[in-house]
């Protein structure tokens, strides 16, 4: 699971992260769904689509904290 999370953290899609981690795509999707439901993983669009101005355009403390580890905001 850690290899999958590492690849996702680098900005990979679920399919490409699964391939790089050596996991079947269907199993990877189940793992991602579970992690999202339990709050251990958030979809990259969860804040970006909310209008808070993510991906480097927001200046609020909430955006800065949420996006600090995102590879897309660098």
PDB file of N, CA and C in Angstrom:
ATOM      1  N   UNK A   1       0.822  -1.182   0.000  1.00  0.00           N
ATOM      2  CA  UNK A   1       0.000   0.000   0.000  1.00  0.00           C
ATOM      3  C   UNK A   1       0.873   1.256   0.000  1.00  0.00           C
ATOM      4  N   UNK A   2       2.004   1.217   0.668  1.00  0.00           N
ATOM      5  CA  UNK A   2       2.867   2.392   0.749  1.00  0.00           C
ATOM      6  C   UNK A   2       3.397   2.806  -0.625  1.00  0.00           C
ATOM      7  N   UNK A   3       3.735   1.832  -1.447  1.00  0.00           N
ATOM      8  CA  UNK A   3       4.227   2.158  -2.799  1.00  0.00           C
ATOM      9  C   UNK A   3       3.147   2.859  -3.611  1.00  0.00           C
ATOM     10  N   UNK A   4       1.900   2.409  -3.451  1.00  0.00           N
ATOM     11  CA  UNK A   4       0.779   3.045  -4.143  1.00  0.00           C
ATOM     12  C   UNK A   4       0.615   4.485  -3.659  1.00  0.00           C
ATOM     13  N   UNK A   5       0.647   4.688  -2.352  1.00  0.00           N
ATOM     14  CA  UNK A   5       0.508   6.029  -1.796  1.00  0.00           C
ATOM     15  C   UNK A   5       1.644   6.953  -2.234  1.00  0.00           C
ATOM     16  N   UNK A   6       2.841   6.409  -2.315  1.00  0.00           N
ATOM     17  CA  UNK A   6       3.986   7.207  -2.764  1.00  0.00           C
ATOM     18  C   UNK A   6       3.770   7.696  -4.180  1.00  0.00           C
ATOM     19  N   UNK A   7       3.328   6.804  -5.050  1.00  0.00           N
ATOM     20  CA  UNK A   7       3.090   7.176  -6.448  1.00  0.00           C
ATOM     21  C   UNK A   7       1.945   8.174  -6.570  1.00  0.00           C
ATOM     22  N   UNK A   8       0.893   7.981  -5.808  1.00  0.00           N
ATOM     23  CA  UNK A   8      -0.223   8.924  -5.833  1.00  0.00           C
ATOM     24  C   UNK A   8       0.228  10.288  -5.333  1.00  0.00           C
ATOM     25  N   UNK A   9       1.076  10.299  -4.325  1.00  0.00           N
ATOM     26  CA  UNK A   9       1.609  11.541  -3.783  1.00  0.00           C
ATOM     27  C   UNK A   9       2.468  12.298  -4.774  1.00  0.00           C
ATOM     28  N   UNK A  10       3.002  11.599  -5.742  1.00  0.00           N
ATOM     29  CA  UNK A  10       3.807  12.229  -6.799  1.00  0.00           C
ATOM     30  C   UNK A  10       2.940  12.751  -7.936  1.00  0.00           C
ATOM     31  N   UNK A  11       1.629  12.554  -7.811  1.00  0.00           N
ATOM     32  CA  UNK A  11       0.707  13.067  -8.819  1.00  0.00           C
ATOM     33  C   UNK A  11       0.267  12.068  -9.861  1.00  0.00           C
ATOM     34  N   UNK A  12       0.591  10.789  -9.672  1.00  0.00           N
ATOM     35  CA  UNK A  12       0.199   9.759 -10.641  1.00  0.00           C
ATOM     36  C   UNK A  12      -1.299   9.491 -10.577  1.00  0.00           C
ATOM     37  N   UNK A  13      -1.854   9.064 -11.687  1.00  0.00           N
ATOM     38  CA  UNK A  13      -3.239   8.606 -11.696  1.00  0.00           C
ATOM     39  C   UNK A  13      -3.291   7.264 -10.972  1.00  0.00           C
ATOM     40  N   UNK A  14      -4.496   6.818 -10.646  1.00  0.00           N
ATOM     41  CA  UNK A  14      -4.629   5.524  -9.967  1.00  0.00           C
ATOM     42  C   UNK A  14      -4.076   4.412 -10.846  1.00  0.00           C
ATOM     43  N   UNK A  15      -4.375   4.463 -12.137  1.00  0.00           N
ATOM     44  CA  UNK A  15      -3.906   3.408 -13.047  1.00  0.00           C
ATOM     45  C   UNK A  15      -2.387   3.370 -13.139  1.00  0.00           C
ATOM     46  N   UNK A  16      -1.756   4.533 -13.311  1.00  0.00           N
ATOM     47  CA  UNK A  16      -0.297   4.531 -13.430  1.00  0.00           C
ATOM     48  C   UNK A  16       0.382   4.247 -12.093  1.00  0.00           C
ATOM     49  N   UNK A  17      -0.214   4.697 -11.003  1.00  0.00           N
ATOM     50  CA  UNK A  17       0.339   4.394  -9.677  1.00  0.00           C
ATOM     51  C   UNK A  17       0.273   2.896  -9.403  1.00  0.00           C
ATOM     52  N   UNK A  18      -0.826   2.280  -9.803  1.00  0.00           N
ATOM     53  CA  UNK A  18      -0.980   0.832  -9.619  1.00  0.00           C
ATOM     54  C   UNK A  18       0.079   0.080 -10.413  1.00  0.00           C
ATOM     55  N   UNK A  19       0.287   0.498 -11.650  1.00  0.00           N
ATOM     56  CA  UNK A  19       1.279  -0.162 -12.493  1.00  0.00           C
ATOM     57  C   UNK A  19       2.673  -0.053 -11.877  1.00  0.00           C
ATOM     58  N   UNK A  20       3.032   1.143 -11.448  1.00  0.00           N
ATOM     59  CA  UNK A  20       4.354   1.358 -10.857  1.00  0.00           C
ATOM     60  C   UNK A  20       4.527   0.621  -9.534  1.00  0.00           C
ATOM     61  N   UNK A  21       3.410   0.448  -8.802  1.00  0.00           N
ATOM     62  CA  UNK A  21       3.469  -0.236  -7.512  1.00  0.00           C
ATOM     63  C   UNK A  21       3.320  -1.748  -7.650  1.00  0.00           C
ATOM     64  N   UNK A  22       3.020  -2.218  -8.870  1.00  0.00           N
ATOM     65  CA  UNK A  22       2.867  -3.651  -9.085  1.00  0.00           C
ATOM     66  C   UNK A  22       1.553  -4.203  -8.553  1.00  0.00           C
ATOM     67  N   UNK A  23       0.512  -3.377  -8.591  1.00  0.00           N
ATOM     68  CA  UNK A  23      -0.808  -3.756  -8.082  1.00  0.00           C
ATOM     69  C   UNK A  23      -1.793  -3.718  -9.252  1.00  0.00           C
ATOM     70  N   UNK A  24      -2.748  -4.637  -9.267  1.00  0.00           N
ATOM     71  CA  UNK A  24      -3.782  -4.624 -10.301  1.00  0.00           C
ATOM     72  C   UNK A  24      -4.604  -3.341 -10.150  1.00  0.00           C
ATOM     73  N   UNK A  25      -4.953  -2.703 -11.269  1.00  0.00           N
ATOM     74  CA  UNK A  25      -5.698  -1.436 -11.205  1.00  0.00           C
ATOM     75  C   UNK A  25      -7.004  -1.516 -10.406  1.00  0.00           C
ATOM     76  N   UNK A  26      -7.724  -2.607 -10.536  1.00  0.00           N
ATOM     77  CA  UNK A  26      -8.976  -2.760  -9.791  1.00  0.00           C
ATOM     78  C   UNK A  26      -8.754  -2.782  -8.284  1.00  0.00           C
ATOM     79  N   UNK A  27      -7.699  -3.471  -7.852  1.00  0.00           N
ATOM     80  CA  UNK A  27      -7.364  -3.529  -6.422  1.00  0.00           C
ATOM     81  C   UNK A  27      -6.919  -2.146  -5.947  1.00  0.00           C
ATOM     82  N   UNK A  28      -6.133  -1.458  -6.766  1.00  0.00           N
ATOM     83  CA  UNK A  28      -5.674  -0.114  -6.414  1.00  0.00           C
ATOM     84  C   UNK A  28      -6.860   0.828  -6.241  1.00  0.00           C
ATOM     85  N   UNK A  29      -7.841   0.739  -7.126  1.00  0.00           N
ATOM     86  CA  UNK A  29      -9.018   1.601  -7.023  1.00  0.00           C
ATOM     87  C   UNK A  29      -9.793   1.314  -5.746  1.00  0.00           C
ATOM     88  N   UNK A  30      -9.910   0.050  -5.383  1.00  0.00           N
ATOM     89  CA  UNK A  30     -10.586  -0.322  -4.137  1.00  0.00           C
ATOM     90  C   UNK A  30      -9.836   0.272  -2.946  1.00  0.00           C
ATOM     91  N   UNK A  31      -8.510   0.193  -2.988  1.00  0.00           N
ATOM     92  CA  UNK A  31      -7.697   0.748  -1.902  1.00  0.00           C
ATOM     93  C   UNK A  31      -7.878   2.267  -1.815  1.00  0.00           C
ATOM     94  N   UNK A  32      -7.864   2.944  -2.958  1.00  0.00           N
ATOM     95  CA  UNK A  32      -8.041   4.395  -2.982  1.00  0.00           C
ATOM     96  C   UNK A  32      -9.424   4.775  -2.460  1.00  0.00           C
ATOM     97  N   UNK A  33     -10.449   4.061  -2.893  1.00  0.00           N
ATOM     98  CA  UNK A  33     -11.811   4.326  -2.410  1.00  0.00           C
ATOM     99  C   UNK A  33     -11.890   4.180  -0.894  1.00  0.00           C
ATOM    100  N   UNK A  34     -11.298   3.120  -0.370  1.00  0.00           N
ATOM    101  CA  UNK A  34     -11.300   2.891   1.082  1.00  0.00           C
ATOM    102  C   UNK A  34     -10.575   4.018   1.811  1.00  0.00           C
ATOM    103  N   UNK A  35      -9.401   4.394   1.315  1.00  0.00           N
ATOM    104  CA  UNK A  35      -8.625   5.447   1.963  1.00  0.00           C
ATOM    105  C   UNK A  35      -9.346   6.792   1.917  1.00  0.00           C
ATOM    106  N   UNK A  36     -10.050   7.072   0.829  1.00  0.00           N
ATOM    107  CA  UNK A  36     -10.840   8.302   0.746  1.00  0.00           C
ATOM    108  C   UNK A  36     -11.994   8.276   1.732  1.00  0.00           C
ATOM    109  N   UNK A  37     -12.690   7.137   1.827  1.00  0.00           N
ATOM    110  CA  UNK A  37     -13.819   7.024   2.758  1.00  0.00           C
ATOM    111  C   UNK A  37     -13.389   7.176   4.205  1.00  0.00           C
ATOM    112  N   UNK A  38     -12.217   6.684   4.540  1.00  0.00           N
ATOM    113  CA  UNK A  38     -11.746   6.744   5.930  1.00  0.00           C
ATOM    114  C   UNK A  38     -10.997   8.036   6.240  1.00  0.00           C
ATOM    115  N   UNK A  39     -10.882   8.926   5.253  1.00  0.00           N
ATOM    116  CA  UNK A  39     -10.250  10.217   5.470  1.00  0.00           C
ATOM    117  C   UNK A  39      -8.728  10.211   5.434  1.00  0.00           C
ATOM    118  N   UNK A  40      -8.132   9.117   5.040  1.00  0.00           N
ATOM    119  CA  UNK A  40      -6.673   9.020   4.987  1.00  0.00           C
ATOM    120  C   UNK A  40      -6.107   9.500   3.653  1.00  0.00           C
ATOM    121  N   UNK A  41      -6.983   9.754   2.698  1.00  0.00           N
ATOM    122  CA  UNK A  41      -6.562  10.204   1.374  1.00  0.00           C
ATOM    123  C   UNK A  41      -7.639  11.119   0.834  1.00  0.00           C
ATOM    124  N   UNK A  42      -7.233  12.244   0.275  1.00  0.00           N
ATOM    125  CA  UNK A  42      -8.189  13.162  -0.321  1.00  0.00           C
ATOM    126  C   UNK A  42      -7.930  13.265  -1.813  1.00  0.00           C
ATOM    127  N   UNK A  43      -8.998  13.377  -2.545  1.00  0.00           N
ATOM    128  CA  UNK A  43      -8.911  13.575  -3.980  1.00  0.00           C
ATOM    129  C   UNK A  43      -8.328  14.954  -4.238  1.00  0.00           C
ATOM    130  N   UNK A  44      -7.489  15.081  -5.230  1.00  0.00           N
ATOM    131  CA  UNK A  44      -6.844  16.363  -5.533  1.00  0.00           C
ATOM    132  C   UNK A  44      -7.844  17.451  -5.854  1.00  0.00           C
ATOM    133  N   UNK A  45      -9.027  17.099  -6.309  1.00  0.00           N
ATOM    134  CA  UNK A  45     -10.025  18.112  -6.637  1.00  0.00           C
ATOM    135  C   UNK A  45     -10.903  18.474  -5.452  1.00  0.00           C
ATOM    136  N   UNK A  46     -10.716  17.837  -4.299  1.00  0.00           N
ATOM    137  CA  UNK A  46     -11.603  18.097  -3.175  1.00  0.00           C
ATOM    138  C   UNK A  46     -11.552  19.546  -2.721  1.00  0.00           C
ATOM    139  N   UNK A  47     -10.389  20.159  -2.679  1.00  0.00           N
ATOM    140  CA  UNK A  47     -10.287  21.565  -2.320  1.00  0.00           C
ATOM    141  C   UNK A  47     -10.245  22.429  -3.569  1.00  0.00           C
ATOM    142  N   UNK A  48      -9.567  21.973  -4.588  1.00  0.00           N
ATOM    143  CA  UNK A  48      -9.410  22.767  -5.815  1.00  0.00           C
ATOM    144  C   UNK A  48     -10.770  23.105  -6.419  1.00  0.00           C
ATOM    145  N   UNK A  49     -11.690  22.177  -6.406  1.00  0.00           N
ATOM    146  CA  UNK A  49     -12.996  22.384  -7.008  1.00  0.00           C
ATOM    147  C   UNK A  49     -13.932  23.178  -6.100  1.00  0.00           C
ATOM    148  N   UNK A  50     -13.509  23.454  -4.864  1.00  0.00           N
ATOM    149  CA  UNK A  50     -14.394  24.131  -3.927  1.00  0.00           C
ATOM    150  C   UNK A  50     -14.377  25.640  -4.092  1.00  0.00           C
ATOM    151  N   UNK A  51     -13.471  26.152  -4.923  1.00  0.00           N
ATOM    152  CA  UNK A  51     -13.417  27.584  -5.128  1.00  0.00           C
ATOM    153  C   UNK A  51     -12.529  28.315  -4.137  1.00  0.00           C
ATOM    154  N   UNK A  52     -11.745  27.596  -3.360  1.00  0.00           N
ATOM    155  CA  UNK A  52     -10.864  28.247  -2.397  1.00  0.00           C
ATOM    156  C   UNK A  52      -9.596  28.766  -3.048  1.00  0.00           C
ATOM    157  N   UNK A  53      -9.413  28.499  -4.301  1.00  0.00           N
ATOM    158  CA  UNK A  53      -8.261  29.036  -5.015  1.00  0.00           C
ATOM    159  C   UNK A  53      -6.997  28.236  -4.802  1.00  0.00           C
ATOM    160  N   UNK A  54      -7.079  26.944  -4.948  1.00  0.00           N
ATOM    161  CA  UNK A  54      -5.916  26.088  -4.728  1.00  0.00           C
ATOM    162  C   UNK A  54      -4.998  26.129  -5.943  1.00  0.00           C
ATOM    163  N   UNK A  55      -4.004  25.281  -5.975  1.00  0.00           N
ATOM    164  CA  UNK A  55      -3.019  25.162  -7.046  1.00  0.00           C
ATOM    165  C   UNK A  55      -2.219  26.442  -7.244  1.00  0.00           C
ATOM    166  N   UNK A  56      -1.816  27.046  -6.140  1.00  0.00           N
ATOM    167  CA  UNK A  56      -0.926  28.189  -6.199  1.00  0.00           C
ATOM    168  C   UNK A  56      -1.593  29.533  -6.318  1.00  0.00           C
ATOM    169  N   UNK A  57      -2.910  29.569  -6.492  1.00  0.00           N
ATOM    170  CA  UNK A  57      -3.568  30.862  -6.642  1.00  0.00           C
ATOM    171  C   UNK A  57      -4.202  31.364  -5.363  1.00  0.00           C
ATOM    172  N   UNK A  58      -4.353  30.505  -4.372  1.00  0.00           N
ATOM    173  CA  UNK A  58      -4.974  30.919  -3.119  1.00  0.00           C
ATOM    174  C   UNK A  58      -3.958  31.468  -2.143  1.00  0.00           C
ATOM    175  N   UNK A  59      -4.398  32.366  -1.294  1.00  0.00           N
ATOM    176  CA  UNK A  59      -3.489  32.952  -0.315  1.00  0.00           C
ATOM    177  C   UNK A  59      -3.953  32.754   1.118  1.00  0.00           C
ATOM    178  N   UNK A  60      -5.132  32.159   1.316  1.00  0.00           N
ATOM    179  CA  UNK A  60      -5.633  31.974   2.677  1.00  0.00           C
ATOM    180  C   UNK A  60      -4.805  30.918   3.410  1.00  0.00           C
ATOM    181  N   UNK A  61      -4.812  30.994   4.726  1.00  0.00           N
ATOM    182  CA  UNK A  61      -4.090  30.012   5.541  1.00  0.00           C
ATOM    183  C   UNK A  61      -4.614  28.605   5.293  1.00  0.00           C
ATOM    184  N   UNK A  62      -5.940  28.476   5.094  1.00  0.00           N
ATOM    185  CA  UNK A  62      -6.538  27.159   4.848  1.00  0.00           C
ATOM    186  C   UNK A  62      -5.960  26.539   3.574  1.00  0.00           C
ATOM    187  N   UNK A  63      -5.847  27.315   2.522  1.00  0.00           N
ATOM    188  CA  UNK A  63      -5.297  26.815   1.263  1.00  0.00           C
ATOM    189  C   UNK A  63      -3.824  26.478   1.429  1.00  0.00           C
ATOM    190  N   UNK A  64      -3.062  27.342   2.081  1.00  0.00           N
ATOM    191  CA  UNK A  64      -1.634  27.094   2.274  1.00  0.00           C
ATOM    192  C   UNK A  64      -1.387  25.799   3.044  1.00  0.00           C
ATOM    193  N   UNK A  65      -2.163  25.560   4.086  1.00  0.00           N
ATOM    194  CA  UNK A  65      -2.011  24.344   4.884  1.00  0.00           C
ATOM    195  C   UNK A  65      -2.416  23.127   4.067  1.00  0.00           C
ATOM    196  N   UNK A  66      -3.551  23.209   3.397  1.00  0.00           N
ATOM    197  CA  UNK A  66      -4.056  22.062   2.649  1.00  0.00           C
ATOM    198  C   UNK A  66      -3.139  21.687   1.489  1.00  0.00           C
ATOM    199  N   UNK A  67      -2.557  22.683   0.840  1.00  0.00           N
ATOM    200  CA  UNK A  67      -1.772  22.431  -0.362  1.00  0.00           C
ATOM    201  C   UNK A  67      -0.279  22.273  -0.108  1.00  0.00           C
ATOM    202  N   UNK A  68       0.142  22.347   1.143  1.00  0.00           N
ATOM    203  CA  UNK A  68       1.582  22.324   1.456  1.00  0.00           C
ATOM    204  C   UNK A  68       2.300  21.102   0.901  1.00  0.00           C
ATOM    205  N   UNK A  69       1.692  19.945   0.916  1.00  0.00           N
ATOM    206  CA  UNK A  69       2.356  18.737   0.443  1.00  0.00           C
ATOM    207  C   UNK A  69       1.974  18.305  -0.953  1.00  0.00           C
ATOM    208  N   UNK A  70       1.178  19.092  -1.631  1.00  0.00           N
ATOM    209  CA  UNK A  70       0.684  18.707  -2.947  1.00  0.00           C
ATOM    210  C   UNK A  70       1.750  18.926  -4.020  1.00  0.00           C
ATOM    211  N   UNK A  71       2.054  17.907  -4.814  1.00  0.00           N
ATOM    212  CA  UNK A  71       3.042  18.071  -5.874  1.00  0.00           C
ATOM    213  C   UNK A  71       2.552  18.964  -7.008  1.00  0.00           C
ATOM    214  N   UNK A  72       1.270  19.217  -7.092  1.00  0.00           N
ATOM    215  CA  UNK A  72       0.727  20.047  -8.158  1.00  0.00           C
ATOM    216  C   UNK A  72       0.897  21.541  -7.879  1.00  0.00           C
ATOM    217  N   UNK A  73       1.106  21.911  -6.624  1.00  0.00           N
ATOM    218  CA  UNK A  73       1.178  23.324  -6.274  1.00  0.00           C
ATOM    219  C   UNK A  73       2.603  23.856  -6.240  1.00  0.00           C
ATOM    220  N   UNK A  74       3.558  23.073  -6.678  1.00  0.00           N
ATOM    221  CA  UNK A  74       4.967  23.502  -6.636  1.00  0.00           C
ATOM    222  C   UNK A  74       5.418  24.080  -7.929  1.00  0.00           C
TER     223      UNK A  74
END
